[in-house]
């Protein structure tokens, strides 16, 4: 779960998967410890975060990648849309590098007139 704070989706993943599933949350904001869930306090914008995942889980391809990220919102809606959709595009990089070929990707993005450039 990219941008996982406060951890609600991690808890849902834990309830919906088998007991020994590898569940990993990543965020720049620390979350409370959730039993049997790994957490990296890292920024998804940096390549070193992907490297850290590969070092810690060298032979793992994930079955699902979630992105629930949201930027700090301001008064400029166009900038807010851009920053939100940037997080969604960056999460696609994680899919290319870490998602199994039969895996699932779920992301959040803000609706705007530019949404069709994201969908295909």
PDB file of N, CA and C in Angstrom:
ATOM      1  N   UNK A   1       0.854  -1.171   0.000  1.00  0.00           N
ATOM      2  CA  UNK A   1       0.000   0.000   0.000  1.00  0.00           C
ATOM      3  C   UNK A   1       0.897   1.229   0.000  1.00  0.00           C
ATOM      4  N   UNK A   2       0.919   1.935  -1.125  1.00  0.00           N
ATOM      5  CA  UNK A   2       1.716   3.156  -1.231  1.00  0.00           C
ATOM      6  C   UNK A   2       0.937   4.304  -0.594  1.00  0.00           C
ATOM      7  N   UNK A   3       1.639   5.127   0.152  1.00  0.00           N
ATOM      8  CA  UNK A   3       1.015   6.256   0.866  1.00  0.00           C
ATOM      9  C   UNK A   3      -0.063   5.721   1.812  1.00  0.00           C
ATOM     10  N   UNK A   4       0.337   4.819   2.673  1.00  0.00           N
ATOM     11  CA  UNK A   4      -0.605   4.003   3.447  1.00  0.00           C
ATOM     12  C   UNK A   4      -1.182   4.656   4.698  1.00  0.00           C
ATOM     13  N   UNK A   5      -0.604   5.746   5.182  1.00  0.00           N
ATOM     14  CA  UNK A   5      -1.090   6.336   6.432  1.00  0.00           C
ATOM     15  C   UNK A   5      -2.548   6.760   6.281  1.00  0.00           C
ATOM     16  N   UNK A   6      -3.351   6.528   7.273  1.00  0.00           N
ATOM     17  CA  UNK A   6      -3.062   6.034   8.609  1.00  0.00           C
ATOM     18  C   UNK A   6      -3.047   4.511   8.757  1.00  0.00           C
ATOM     19  N   UNK A   7      -3.351   3.767   7.702  1.00  0.00           N
ATOM     20  CA  UNK A   7      -3.228   2.309   7.778  1.00  0.00           C
ATOM     21  C   UNK A   7      -4.519   1.537   7.599  1.00  0.00           C
ATOM     22  N   UNK A   8      -5.599   2.222   7.288  1.00  0.00           N
ATOM     23  CA  UNK A   8      -6.894   1.552   7.145  1.00  0.00           C
ATOM     24  C   UNK A   8      -6.917   0.500   6.053  1.00  0.00           C
ATOM     25  N   UNK A   9      -6.331   0.810   4.891  1.00  0.00           N
ATOM     26  CA  UNK A   9      -6.307  -0.166   3.799  1.00  0.00           C
ATOM     27  C   UNK A   9      -5.422  -1.354   4.143  1.00  0.00           C
ATOM     28  N   UNK A  10      -4.363  -1.116   4.912  1.00  0.00           N
ATOM     29  CA  UNK A  10      -3.525  -2.236   5.351  1.00  0.00           C
ATOM     30  C   UNK A  10      -4.331  -3.209   6.206  1.00  0.00           C
ATOM     31  N   UNK A  11      -5.158  -2.662   7.084  1.00  0.00           N
ATOM     32  CA  UNK A  11      -5.978  -3.517   7.938  1.00  0.00           C
ATOM     33  C   UNK A  11      -7.000  -4.301   7.122  1.00  0.00           C
ATOM     34  N   UNK A  12      -7.557  -3.679   6.095  1.00  0.00           N
ATOM     35  CA  UNK A  12      -8.502  -4.387   5.226  1.00  0.00           C
ATOM     36  C   UNK A  12      -7.778  -5.489   4.461  1.00  0.00           C
ATOM     37  N   UNK A  13      -6.591  -5.179   3.954  1.00  0.00           N
ATOM     38  CA  UNK A  13      -5.803  -6.208   3.252  1.00  0.00           C
ATOM     39  C   UNK A  13      -5.520  -7.393   4.160  1.00  0.00           C
ATOM     40  N   UNK A  14      -5.194  -7.092   5.400  1.00  0.00           N
ATOM     41  CA  UNK A  14      -4.903  -8.170   6.356  1.00  0.00           C
ATOM     42  C   UNK A  14      -6.135  -9.060   6.562  1.00  0.00           C
ATOM     43  N   UNK A  15      -7.307  -8.451   6.648  1.00  0.00           N
ATOM     44  CA  UNK A  15      -8.535  -9.225   6.855  1.00  0.00           C
ATOM     45  C   UNK A  15      -8.926 -10.028   5.622  1.00  0.00           C
ATOM     46  N   UNK A  16      -8.607  -9.535   4.431  1.00  0.00           N
ATOM     47  CA  UNK A  16      -9.080 -10.152   3.188  1.00  0.00           C
ATOM     48  C   UNK A  16      -8.104 -11.144   2.566  1.00  0.00           C
ATOM     49  N   UNK A  17      -6.871 -11.249   3.103  1.00  0.00           N
ATOM     50  CA  UNK A  17      -5.889 -12.156   2.516  1.00  0.00           C
ATOM     51  C   UNK A  17      -5.640 -13.339   3.442  1.00  0.00           C
ATOM     52  N   UNK A  18      -4.884 -14.310   2.930  1.00  0.00           N
ATOM     53  CA  UNK A  18      -4.561 -15.463   3.769  1.00  0.00           C
ATOM     54  C   UNK A  18      -3.587 -15.049   4.869  1.00  0.00           C
ATOM     55  N   UNK A  19      -3.496 -15.849   5.898  1.00  0.00           N
ATOM     56  CA  UNK A  19      -2.807 -15.458   7.131  1.00  0.00           C
ATOM     57  C   UNK A  19      -1.317 -15.188   6.945  1.00  0.00           C
ATOM     58  N   UNK A  20      -0.682 -15.793   5.946  1.00  0.00           N
ATOM     59  CA  UNK A  20       0.758 -15.584   5.785  1.00  0.00           C
ATOM     60  C   UNK A  20       1.102 -14.676   4.597  1.00  0.00           C
ATOM     61  N   UNK A  21       0.143 -13.884   4.139  1.00  0.00           N
ATOM     62  CA  UNK A  21       0.389 -12.961   3.028  1.00  0.00           C
ATOM     63  C   UNK A  21       1.384 -11.883   3.452  1.00  0.00           C
ATOM     64  N   UNK A  22       2.240 -11.500   2.523  1.00  0.00           N
ATOM     65  CA  UNK A  22       3.169 -10.397   2.758  1.00  0.00           C
ATOM     66  C   UNK A  22       2.437  -9.095   2.461  1.00  0.00           C
ATOM     67  N   UNK A  23       2.302  -8.275   3.483  1.00  0.00           N
ATOM     68  CA  UNK A  23       1.636  -6.979   3.333  1.00  0.00           C
ATOM     69  C   UNK A  23       2.641  -5.905   3.731  1.00  0.00           C
ATOM     70  N   UNK A  24       2.814  -4.936   2.834  1.00  0.00           N
ATOM     71  CA  UNK A  24       3.792  -3.869   3.037  1.00  0.00           C
ATOM     72  C   UNK A  24       3.124  -2.521   2.855  1.00  0.00           C
ATOM     73  N   UNK A  25       3.325  -1.640   3.809  1.00  0.00           N
ATOM     74  CA  UNK A  25       2.861  -0.271   3.706  1.00  0.00           C
ATOM     75  C   UNK A  25       4.044   0.677   3.625  1.00  0.00           C
ATOM     76  N   UNK A  26       3.899   1.716   2.823  1.00  0.00           N
ATOM     77  CA  UNK A  26       4.954   2.715   2.664  1.00  0.00           C
ATOM     78  C   UNK A  26       4.329   4.094   2.789  1.00  0.00           C
ATOM     79  N   UNK A  27       4.955   4.935   3.595  1.00  0.00           N
ATOM     80  CA  UNK A  27       4.481   6.312   3.723  1.00  0.00           C
ATOM     81  C   UNK A  27       5.586   7.155   4.341  1.00  0.00           C
ATOM     82  N   UNK A  28       5.508   8.462   4.126  1.00  0.00           N
ATOM     83  CA  UNK A  28       6.452   9.375   4.772  1.00  0.00           C
ATOM     84  C   UNK A  28       6.009   9.686   6.198  1.00  0.00           C
ATOM     85  N   UNK A  29       4.770   9.334   6.503  1.00  0.00           N
ATOM     86  CA  UNK A  29       4.218   9.531   7.849  1.00  0.00           C
ATOM     87  C   UNK A  29       4.201   8.180   8.550  1.00  0.00           C
ATOM     88  N   UNK A  30       4.766   8.129   9.736  1.00  0.00           N
ATOM     89  CA  UNK A  30       4.792   6.875  10.496  1.00  0.00           C
ATOM     90  C   UNK A  30       3.376   6.491  10.907  1.00  0.00           C
ATOM     91  N   UNK A  31       3.111   5.188  10.854  1.00  0.00           N
ATOM     92  CA  UNK A  31       1.806   4.672  11.280  1.00  0.00           C
ATOM     93  C   UNK A  31       1.998   3.813  12.520  1.00  0.00           C
ATOM     94  N   UNK A  32       0.899   3.524  13.199  1.00  0.00           N
ATOM     95  CA  UNK A  32       0.948   2.616  14.336  1.00  0.00           C
ATOM     96  C   UNK A  32       1.294   1.217  13.843  1.00  0.00           C
ATOM     97  N   UNK A  33       1.993   0.482  14.663  1.00  0.00           N
ATOM     98  CA  UNK A  33       2.379  -0.883  14.311  1.00  0.00           C
ATOM     99  C   UNK A  33       1.129  -1.740  14.174  1.00  0.00           C
ATOM    100  N   UNK A  34       1.070  -2.487  13.071  1.00  0.00           N
ATOM    101  CA  UNK A  34      -0.012  -3.436  12.840  1.00  0.00           C
ATOM    102  C   UNK A  34       0.642  -4.808  12.752  1.00  0.00           C
ATOM    103  N   UNK A  35       0.221  -5.704  13.597  1.00  0.00           N
ATOM    104  CA  UNK A  35       0.838  -7.037  13.670  1.00  0.00           C
ATOM    105  C   UNK A  35       0.864  -7.720  12.304  1.00  0.00           C
ATOM    106  N   UNK A  36       2.022  -8.297  11.970  1.00  0.00           N
ATOM    107  CA  UNK A  36       2.251  -9.054  10.744  1.00  0.00           C
ATOM    108  C   UNK A  36       2.183  -8.205   9.466  1.00  0.00           C
ATOM    109  N   UNK A  37       2.360  -6.899   9.595  1.00  0.00           N
ATOM    110  CA  UNK A  37       2.416  -6.016   8.432  1.00  0.00           C
ATOM    111  C   UNK A  37       3.728  -5.255   8.481  1.00  0.00           C
ATOM    112  N   UNK A  38       4.446  -5.277   7.376  1.00  0.00           N
ATOM    113  CA  UNK A  38       5.692  -4.530   7.265  1.00  0.00           C
ATOM    114  C   UNK A  38       5.388  -3.078   6.927  1.00  0.00           C
ATOM    115  N   UNK A  39       6.223  -2.192   7.439  1.00  0.00           N
ATOM    116  CA  UNK A  39       6.055  -0.764   7.154  1.00  0.00           C
ATOM    117  C   UNK A  39       7.418  -0.143   6.892  1.00  0.00           C
ATOM    118  N   UNK A  40       7.512   0.620   5.814  1.00  0.00           N
ATOM    119  CA  UNK A  40       8.704   1.412   5.514  1.00  0.00           C
ATOM    120  C   UNK A  40       8.325   2.884   5.578  1.00  0.00           C
ATOM    121  N   UNK A  41       9.014   3.623   6.415  1.00  0.00           N
ATOM    122  CA  UNK A  41       8.816   5.078   6.467  1.00  0.00           C
ATOM    123  C   UNK A  41       9.719   5.691   5.401  1.00  0.00           C
ATOM    124  N   UNK A  42       9.166   5.788   4.205  1.00  0.00           N
ATOM    125  CA  UNK A  42       9.925   6.255   3.052  1.00  0.00           C
ATOM    126  C   UNK A  42       9.014   7.052   2.122  1.00  0.00           C
ATOM    127  N   UNK A  43       9.642   7.749   1.190  1.00  0.00           N
ATOM    128  CA  UNK A  43       8.941   8.566   0.215  1.00  0.00           C
ATOM    129  C   UNK A  43       8.871   7.808  -1.107  1.00  0.00           C
ATOM    130  N   UNK A  44       7.669   7.613  -1.640  1.00  0.00           N
ATOM    131  CA  UNK A  44       7.536   6.846  -2.880  1.00  0.00           C
ATOM    132  C   UNK A  44       8.103   7.596  -4.087  1.00  0.00           C
ATOM    133  N   UNK A  45       8.394   8.874  -3.939  1.00  0.00           N
ATOM    134  CA  UNK A  45       8.928   9.651  -5.058  1.00  0.00           C
ATOM    135  C   UNK A  45      10.379   9.303  -5.368  1.00  0.00           C
ATOM    136  N   UNK A  46      11.059   8.633  -4.440  1.00  0.00           N
ATOM    137  CA  UNK A  46      12.486   8.374  -4.601  1.00  0.00           C
ATOM    138  C   UNK A  46      12.744   6.937  -5.042  1.00  0.00           C
ATOM    139  N   UNK A  47      13.673   6.781  -5.982  1.00  0.00           N
ATOM    140  CA  UNK A  47      14.051   5.451  -6.468  1.00  0.00           C
ATOM    141  C   UNK A  47      14.615   4.569  -5.368  1.00  0.00           C
ATOM    142  N   UNK A  48      15.225   5.184  -4.356  1.00  0.00           N
ATOM    143  CA  UNK A  48      15.807   4.384  -3.275  1.00  0.00           C
ATOM    144  C   UNK A  48      14.729   3.617  -2.502  1.00  0.00           C
ATOM    145  N   UNK A  49      13.489   4.053  -2.575  1.00  0.00           N
ATOM    146  CA  UNK A  49      12.403   3.306  -1.924  1.00  0.00           C
ATOM    147  C   UNK A  49      12.183   1.976  -2.636  1.00  0.00           C
ATOM    148  N   UNK A  50      12.188   1.996  -3.955  1.00  0.00           N
ATOM    149  CA  UNK A  50      12.055   0.753  -4.716  1.00  0.00           C
ATOM    150  C   UNK A  50      13.253  -0.149  -4.441  1.00  0.00           C
ATOM    151  N   UNK A  51      14.438   0.425  -4.384  1.00  0.00           N
ATOM    152  CA  UNK A  51      15.644  -0.361  -4.089  1.00  0.00           C
ATOM    153  C   UNK A  51      15.531  -1.018  -2.719  1.00  0.00           C
ATOM    154  N   UNK A  52      14.998  -0.283  -1.753  1.00  0.00           N
ATOM    155  CA  UNK A  52      14.829  -0.825  -0.405  1.00  0.00           C
ATOM    156  C   UNK A  52      13.862  -2.015  -0.401  1.00  0.00           C
ATOM    157  N   UNK A  53      12.795  -1.919  -1.172  1.00  0.00           N
ATOM    158  CA  UNK A  53      11.843  -3.030  -1.270  1.00  0.00           C
ATOM    159  C   UNK A  53      12.538  -4.245  -1.870  1.00  0.00           C
ATOM    160  N   UNK A  54      13.279  -4.025  -2.934  1.00  0.00           N
ATOM    161  CA  UNK A  54      13.974  -5.144  -3.599  1.00  0.00           C
ATOM    162  C   UNK A  54      15.038  -5.776  -2.713  1.00  0.00           C
ATOM    163  N   UNK A  55      15.700  -4.971  -1.900  1.00  0.00           N
ATOM    164  CA  UNK A  55      16.708  -5.515  -0.981  1.00  0.00           C
ATOM    165  C   UNK A  55      16.046  -6.360   0.104  1.00  0.00           C
ATOM    166  N   UNK A  56      14.948  -5.865   0.662  1.00  0.00           N
ATOM    167  CA  UNK A  56      14.273  -6.565   1.754  1.00  0.00           C
ATOM    168  C   UNK A  56      13.429  -7.745   1.286  1.00  0.00           C
ATOM    169  N   UNK A  57      12.932  -7.687   0.071  1.00  0.00           N
ATOM    170  CA  UNK A  57      12.088  -8.753  -0.485  1.00  0.00           C
ATOM    171  C   UNK A  57      12.599  -9.074  -1.891  1.00  0.00           C
ATOM    172  N   UNK A  58      13.780  -9.701  -1.993  1.00  0.00           N
ATOM    173  CA  UNK A  58      14.458  -9.816  -3.289  1.00  0.00           C
ATOM    174  C   UNK A  58      13.753 -10.669  -4.341  1.00  0.00           C
ATOM    175  N   UNK A  59      12.939 -11.600  -3.946  1.00  0.00           N
ATOM    176  CA  UNK A  59      12.322 -12.493  -4.930  1.00  0.00           C
ATOM    177  C   UNK A  59      10.804 -12.354  -4.959  1.00  0.00           C
ATOM    178  N   UNK A  60      10.306 -11.236  -4.502  1.00  0.00           N
ATOM    179  CA  UNK A  60       8.863 -11.040  -4.385  1.00  0.00           C
ATOM    180  C   UNK A  60       8.348 -10.157  -5.515  1.00  0.00           C
ATOM    181  N   UNK A  61       7.265 -10.607  -6.143  1.00  0.00           N
ATOM    182  CA  UNK A  61       6.446  -9.758  -6.991  1.00  0.00           C
ATOM    183  C   UNK A  61       5.081  -9.705  -6.322  1.00  0.00           C
ATOM    184  N   UNK A  62       4.560  -8.537  -6.156  1.00  0.00           N
ATOM    185  CA  UNK A  62       3.321  -8.351  -5.403  1.00  0.00           C
ATOM    186  C   UNK A  62       2.106  -8.681  -6.265  1.00  0.00           C
ATOM    187  N   UNK A  63       1.075  -9.213  -5.618  1.00  0.00           N
ATOM    188  CA  UNK A  63      -0.180  -9.544  -6.292  1.00  0.00           C
ATOM    189  C   UNK A  63      -1.092  -8.331  -6.421  1.00  0.00           C
ATOM    190  N   UNK A  64      -0.929  -7.388  -5.508  1.00  0.00           N
ATOM    191  CA  UNK A  64      -1.744  -6.173  -5.545  1.00  0.00           C
ATOM    192  C   UNK A  64      -0.890  -4.997  -5.102  1.00  0.00           C
ATOM    193  N   UNK A  65      -1.025  -3.898  -5.810  1.00  0.00           N
ATOM    194  CA  UNK A  65      -0.416  -2.639  -5.381  1.00  0.00           C
ATOM    195  C   UNK A  65      -1.532  -1.617  -5.289  1.00  0.00           C
ATOM    196  N   UNK A  66      -1.650  -1.026  -4.104  1.00  0.00           N
ATOM    197  CA  UNK A  66      -2.636   0.019  -3.849  1.00  0.00           C
ATOM    198  C   UNK A  66      -1.919   1.353  -3.730  1.00  0.00           C
ATOM    199  N   UNK A  67      -2.538   2.401  -4.230  1.00  0.00           N
ATOM    200  CA  UNK A  67      -2.023   3.747  -4.029  1.00  0.00           C
ATOM    201  C   UNK A  67      -3.166   4.613  -3.530  1.00  0.00           C
ATOM    202  N   UNK A  68      -3.095   4.975  -2.274  1.00  0.00           N
ATOM    203  CA  UNK A  68      -4.128   5.814  -1.675  1.00  0.00           C
ATOM    204  C   UNK A  68      -3.563   7.203  -1.374  1.00  0.00           C
ATOM    205  N   UNK A  69      -2.516   7.567  -2.097  1.00  0.00           N
ATOM    206  CA  UNK A  69      -1.817   8.815  -1.812  1.00  0.00           C
ATOM    207  C   UNK A  69      -2.623  10.049  -2.151  1.00  0.00           C
ATOM    208  N   UNK A  70      -2.375  11.072  -1.374  1.00  0.00           N
ATOM    209  CA  UNK A  70      -2.990  12.367  -1.614  1.00  0.00           C
ATOM    210  C   UNK A  70      -2.003  13.439  -1.191  1.00  0.00           C
ATOM    211  N   UNK A  71      -1.759  14.416  -2.053  1.00  0.00           N
ATOM    212  CA  UNK A  71      -0.834  15.486  -1.678  1.00  0.00           C
ATOM    213  C   UNK A  71      -1.487  16.424  -0.677  1.00  0.00           C
ATOM    214  N   UNK A  72      -0.668  17.257  -0.074  1.00  0.00           N
ATOM    215  CA  UNK A  72      -1.229  18.319   0.753  1.00  0.00           C
ATOM    216  C   UNK A  72      -1.977  19.271  -0.168  1.00  0.00           C
ATOM    217  N   UNK A  73      -3.243  19.463   0.114  1.00  0.00           N
ATOM    218  CA  UNK A  73      -4.079  20.267  -0.767  1.00  0.00           C
ATOM    219  C   UNK A  73      -3.983  21.735  -0.406  1.00  0.00           C
ATOM    220  N   UNK A  74      -4.070  22.557  -1.449  1.00  0.00           N
ATOM    221  CA  UNK A  74      -3.986  23.996  -1.253  1.00  0.00           C
ATOM    222  C   UNK A  74      -5.180  24.690  -1.877  1.00  0.00           C
ATOM    223  N   UNK A  75      -4.971  25.894  -2.325  1.00  0.00           N
ATOM    224  CA  UNK A  75      -6.056  26.680  -2.907  1.00  0.00           C
ATOM    225  C   UNK A  75      -6.041  26.655  -4.434  1.00  0.00           C
ATOM    226  N   UNK A  76      -5.014  26.043  -5.023  1.00  0.00           N
ATOM    227  CA  UNK A  76      -4.892  25.972  -6.479  1.00  0.00           C
ATOM    228  C   UNK A  76      -5.324  24.579  -6.941  1.00  0.00           C
ATOM    229  N   UNK A  77      -6.556  24.467  -7.442  1.00  0.00           N
ATOM    230  CA  UNK A  77      -7.090  23.161  -7.820  1.00  0.00           C
ATOM    231  C   UNK A  77      -6.282  22.504  -8.938  1.00  0.00           C
ATOM    232  N   UNK A  78      -5.814  23.285  -9.883  1.00  0.00           N
ATOM    233  CA  UNK A  78      -5.031  22.710 -10.986  1.00  0.00           C
ATOM    234  C   UNK A  78      -3.747  22.083 -10.449  1.00  0.00           C
ATOM    235  N   UNK A  79      -3.089  22.763  -9.532  1.00  0.00           N
ATOM    236  CA  UNK A  79      -1.874  22.216  -8.926  1.00  0.00           C
ATOM    237  C   UNK A  79      -2.199  20.976  -8.089  1.00  0.00           C
ATOM    238  N   UNK A  80      -3.312  21.011  -7.368  1.00  0.00           N
ATOM    239  CA  UNK A  80      -3.737  19.841  -6.586  1.00  0.00           C
ATOM    240  C   UNK A  80      -3.989  18.642  -7.498  1.00  0.00           C
ATOM    241  N   UNK A  81      -4.690  18.833  -8.620  1.00  0.00           N
ATOM    242  CA  UNK A  81      -4.919  17.752  -9.581  1.00  0.00           C
ATOM    243  C   UNK A  81      -3.593  17.213 -10.098  1.00  0.00           C
ATOM    244  N   UNK A  82      -2.711  18.119 -10.455  1.00  0.00           N
ATOM    245  CA  UNK A  82      -1.408  17.711 -10.982  1.00  0.00           C
ATOM    246  C   UNK A  82      -0.649  16.857  -9.964  1.00  0.00           C
ATOM    247  N   UNK A  83      -0.569  17.341  -8.723  1.00  0.00           N
ATOM    248  CA  UNK A  83       0.184  16.620  -7.689  1.00  0.00           C
ATOM    249  C   UNK A  83      -0.437  15.265  -7.375  1.00  0.00           C
ATOM    250  N   UNK A  84      -1.765  15.196  -7.356  1.00  0.00           N
ATOM    251  CA  UNK A  84      -2.433  13.915  -7.088  1.00  0.00           C
ATOM    252  C   UNK A  84      -2.167  12.931  -8.216  1.00  0.00           C
ATOM    253  N   UNK A  85      -2.345  13.382  -9.426  1.00  0.00           N
ATOM    254  CA  UNK A  85      -2.164  12.481 -10.550  1.00  0.00           C
ATOM    255  C   UNK A  85      -0.691  12.121 -10.739  1.00  0.00           C
ATOM    256  N   UNK A  86       0.195  12.989 -10.311  1.00  0.00           N
ATOM    257  CA  UNK A  86       1.628  12.655 -10.321  1.00  0.00           C
ATOM    258  C   UNK A  86       1.887  11.449  -9.412  1.00  0.00           C
ATOM    259  N   UNK A  87       1.278  11.435  -8.240  1.00  0.00           N
ATOM    260  CA  UNK A  87       1.419  10.280  -7.343  1.00  0.00           C
ATOM    261  C   UNK A  87       0.886   9.009  -8.008  1.00  0.00           C
ATOM    262  N   UNK A  88      -0.218   9.133  -8.719  1.00  0.00           N
ATOM    263  CA  UNK A  88      -0.779   7.970  -9.405  1.00  0.00           C
ATOM    264  C   UNK A  88       0.175   7.469 -10.489  1.00  0.00           C
ATOM    265  N   UNK A  89       0.769   8.373 -11.250  1.00  0.00           N
ATOM    266  CA  UNK A  89       1.725   7.965 -12.287  1.00  0.00           C
ATOM    267  C   UNK A  89       2.977   7.342 -11.674  1.00  0.00           C
ATOM    268  N   UNK A  90       3.442   7.897 -10.574  1.00  0.00           N
ATOM    269  CA  UNK A  90       4.619   7.327  -9.913  1.00  0.00           C
ATOM    270  C   UNK A  90       4.308   5.922  -9.409  1.00  0.00           C
ATOM    271  N   UNK A  91       3.100   5.708  -8.935  1.00  0.00           N
ATOM    272  CA  UNK A  91       2.743   4.369  -8.467  1.00  0.00           C
ATOM    273  C   UNK A  91       2.746   3.359  -9.617  1.00  0.00           C
ATOM    274  N   UNK A  92       2.534   3.824 -10.846  1.00  0.00           N
ATOM    275  CA  UNK A  92       2.640   2.932 -12.003  1.00  0.00           C
ATOM    276  C   UNK A  92       4.053   2.384 -12.148  1.00  0.00           C
ATOM    277  N   UNK A  93       5.049   3.186 -11.778  1.00  0.00           N
ATOM    278  CA  UNK A  93       6.441   2.723 -11.826  1.00  0.00           C
ATOM    279  C   UNK A  93       6.625   1.528 -10.888  1.00  0.00           C
ATOM    280  N   UNK A  94       6.000   1.582  -9.718  1.00  0.00           N
ATOM    281  CA  UNK A  94       6.062   0.461  -8.784  1.00  0.00           C
ATOM    282  C   UNK A  94       5.427  -0.785  -9.400  1.00  0.00           C
ATOM    283  N   UNK A  95       4.360  -0.585 -10.154  1.00  0.00           N
ATOM    284  CA  UNK A  95       3.701  -1.718 -10.813  1.00  0.00           C
ATOM    285  C   UNK A  95       4.622  -2.347 -11.854  1.00  0.00           C
ATOM    286  N   UNK A  96       5.258  -1.521 -12.644  1.00  0.00           N
ATOM    287  CA  UNK A  96       6.140  -2.039 -13.688  1.00  0.00           C
ATOM    288  C   UNK A  96       7.267  -2.858 -13.071  1.00  0.00           C
ATOM    289  N   UNK A  97       7.786  -2.415 -11.946  1.00  0.00           N
ATOM    290  CA  UNK A  97       8.951  -3.056 -11.349  1.00  0.00           C
ATOM    291  C   UNK A  97       8.632  -4.136 -10.316  1.00  0.00           C
ATOM    292  N   UNK A  98       7.452  -4.070  -9.680  1.00  0.00           N
ATOM    293  CA  UNK A  98       7.196  -4.933  -8.531  1.00  0.00           C
ATOM    294  C   UNK A  98       5.901  -5.742  -8.581  1.00  0.00           C
ATOM    295  N   UNK A  99       5.077  -5.532  -9.582  1.00  0.00           N
ATOM    296  CA  UNK A  99       3.779  -6.205  -9.646  1.00  0.00           C
ATOM    297  C   UNK A  99       3.887  -7.460 -10.514  1.00  0.00           C
ATOM    298  N   UNK A 100       3.287  -8.549 -10.049  1.00  0.00           N
ATOM    299  CA  UNK A 100       3.282  -9.777 -10.846  1.00  0.00           C
ATOM    300  C   UNK A 100       2.478  -9.544 -12.128  1.00  0.00           C
ATOM    301  N   UNK A 101       2.714 -10.367 -13.126  1.00  0.00           N
ATOM    302  CA  UNK A 101       2.044 -10.179 -14.418  1.00  0.00           C
ATOM    303  C   UNK A 101       0.532 -10.377 -14.329  1.00  0.00           C
ATOM    304  N   UNK A 102       0.076 -11.071 -13.317  1.00  0.00           N
ATOM    305  CA  UNK A 102      -1.363 -11.266 -13.130  1.00  0.00           C
ATOM    306  C   UNK A 102      -1.902 -10.426 -11.975  1.00  0.00           C
ATOM    307  N   UNK A 103      -1.094  -9.482 -11.510  1.00  0.00           N
ATOM    308  CA  UNK A 103      -1.464  -8.685 -10.347  1.00  0.00           C
ATOM    309  C   UNK A 103      -2.482  -7.599 -10.647  1.00  0.00           C
ATOM    310  N   UNK A 104      -2.926  -6.966  -9.572  1.00  0.00           N
ATOM    311  CA  UNK A 104      -3.930  -5.902  -9.634  1.00  0.00           C
ATOM    312  C   UNK A 104      -3.343  -4.587  -9.147  1.00  0.00           C
ATOM    313  N   UNK A 105      -3.803  -3.506  -9.755  1.00  0.00           N
ATOM    314  CA  UNK A 105      -3.371  -2.159  -9.375  1.00  0.00           C
ATOM    315  C   UNK A 105      -4.601  -1.312  -9.122  1.00  0.00           C
ATOM    316  N   UNK A 106      -4.626  -0.670  -7.953  1.00  0.00           N
ATOM    317  CA  UNK A 106      -5.728   0.210  -7.589  1.00  0.00           C
ATOM    318  C   UNK A 106      -5.122   1.539  -7.162  1.00  0.00           C
ATOM    319  N   UNK A 107      -5.612   2.620  -7.754  1.00  0.00           N
ATOM    320  CA  UNK A 107      -5.080   3.928  -7.393  1.00  0.00           C
ATOM    321  C   UNK A 107      -6.210   4.939  -7.256  1.00  0.00           C
ATOM    322  N   UNK A 108      -5.893   6.008  -6.598  1.00  0.00           N
ATOM    323  CA  UNK A 108      -6.818   7.124  -6.443  1.00  0.00           C
ATOM    324  C   UNK A 108      -6.290   8.273  -7.286  1.00  0.00           C
ATOM    325  N   UNK A 109      -7.177   8.963  -7.955  1.00  0.00           N
ATOM    326  CA  UNK A 109      -6.783  10.189  -8.626  1.00  0.00           C
ATOM    327  C   UNK A 109      -7.941  11.162  -8.570  1.00  0.00           C
ATOM    328  N   UNK A 110      -7.632  12.422  -8.739  1.00  0.00           N
ATOM    329  CA  UNK A 110      -8.652  13.458  -8.684  1.00  0.00           C
ATOM    330  C   UNK A 110      -9.268  13.643 -10.068  1.00  0.00           C
ATOM    331  N   UNK A 111     -10.560  13.785 -10.085  1.00  0.00           N
ATOM    332  CA  UNK A 111     -11.258  13.969 -11.349  1.00  0.00           C
ATOM    333  C   UNK A 111     -11.055  15.392 -11.844  1.00  0.00           C
ATOM    334  N   UNK A 112     -10.682  15.505 -13.108  1.00  0.00           N
ATOM    335  CA  UNK A 112     -10.591  16.801 -13.771  1.00  0.00           C
ATOM    336  C   UNK A 112     -10.817  16.573 -15.256  1.00  0.00           C
ATOM    337  N   UNK A 113     -10.838  17.638 -16.025  1.00  0.00           N
ATOM    338  CA  UNK A 113     -11.015  17.490 -17.473  1.00  0.00           C
ATOM    339  C   UNK A 113      -9.838  16.764 -18.109  1.00  0.00           C
ATOM    340  N   UNK A 114      -8.736  16.624 -17.388  1.00  0.00           N
ATOM    341  CA  UNK A 114      -7.545  15.941 -17.908  1.00  0.00           C
ATOM    342  C   UNK A 114      -7.515  14.447 -17.538  1.00  0.00           C
ATOM    343  N   UNK A 115      -8.564  13.953 -16.919  1.00  0.00           N
ATOM    344  CA  UNK A 115      -8.568  12.570 -16.450  1.00  0.00           C
ATOM    345  C   UNK A 115      -8.379  11.562 -17.591  1.00  0.00           C
ATOM    346  N   UNK A 116      -8.864  11.905 -18.769  1.00  0.00           N
ATOM    347  CA  UNK A 116      -8.782  10.957 -19.879  1.00  0.00           C
ATOM    348  C   UNK A 116      -7.363  10.712 -20.350  1.00  0.00           C
ATOM    349  N   UNK A 117      -6.453  11.600 -20.020  1.00  0.00           N
ATOM    350  CA  UNK A 117      -5.057  11.356 -20.376  1.00  0.00           C
ATOM    351  C   UNK A 117      -4.451  10.276 -19.487  1.00  0.00           C
ATOM    352  N   UNK A 118      -5.066  10.031 -18.345  1.00  0.00           N
ATOM    353  CA  UNK A 118      -4.586   8.979 -17.439  1.00  0.00           C
ATOM    354  C   UNK A 118      -5.181   7.630 -17.805  1.00  0.00           C
ATOM    355  N   UNK A 119      -6.420   7.614 -18.199  1.00  0.00           N
ATOM    356  CA  UNK A 119      -7.108   6.373 -18.525  1.00  0.00           C
ATOM    357  C   UNK A 119      -6.796   5.957 -19.954  1.00  0.00           C
ATOM    358  N   UNK A 120      -6.760   4.675 -20.164  1.00  0.00           N
ATOM    359  CA  UNK A 120      -6.581   4.202 -21.542  1.00  0.00           C
ATOM    360  C   UNK A 120      -7.382   2.943 -21.767  1.00  0.00           C
TER     361      UNK A 120
END
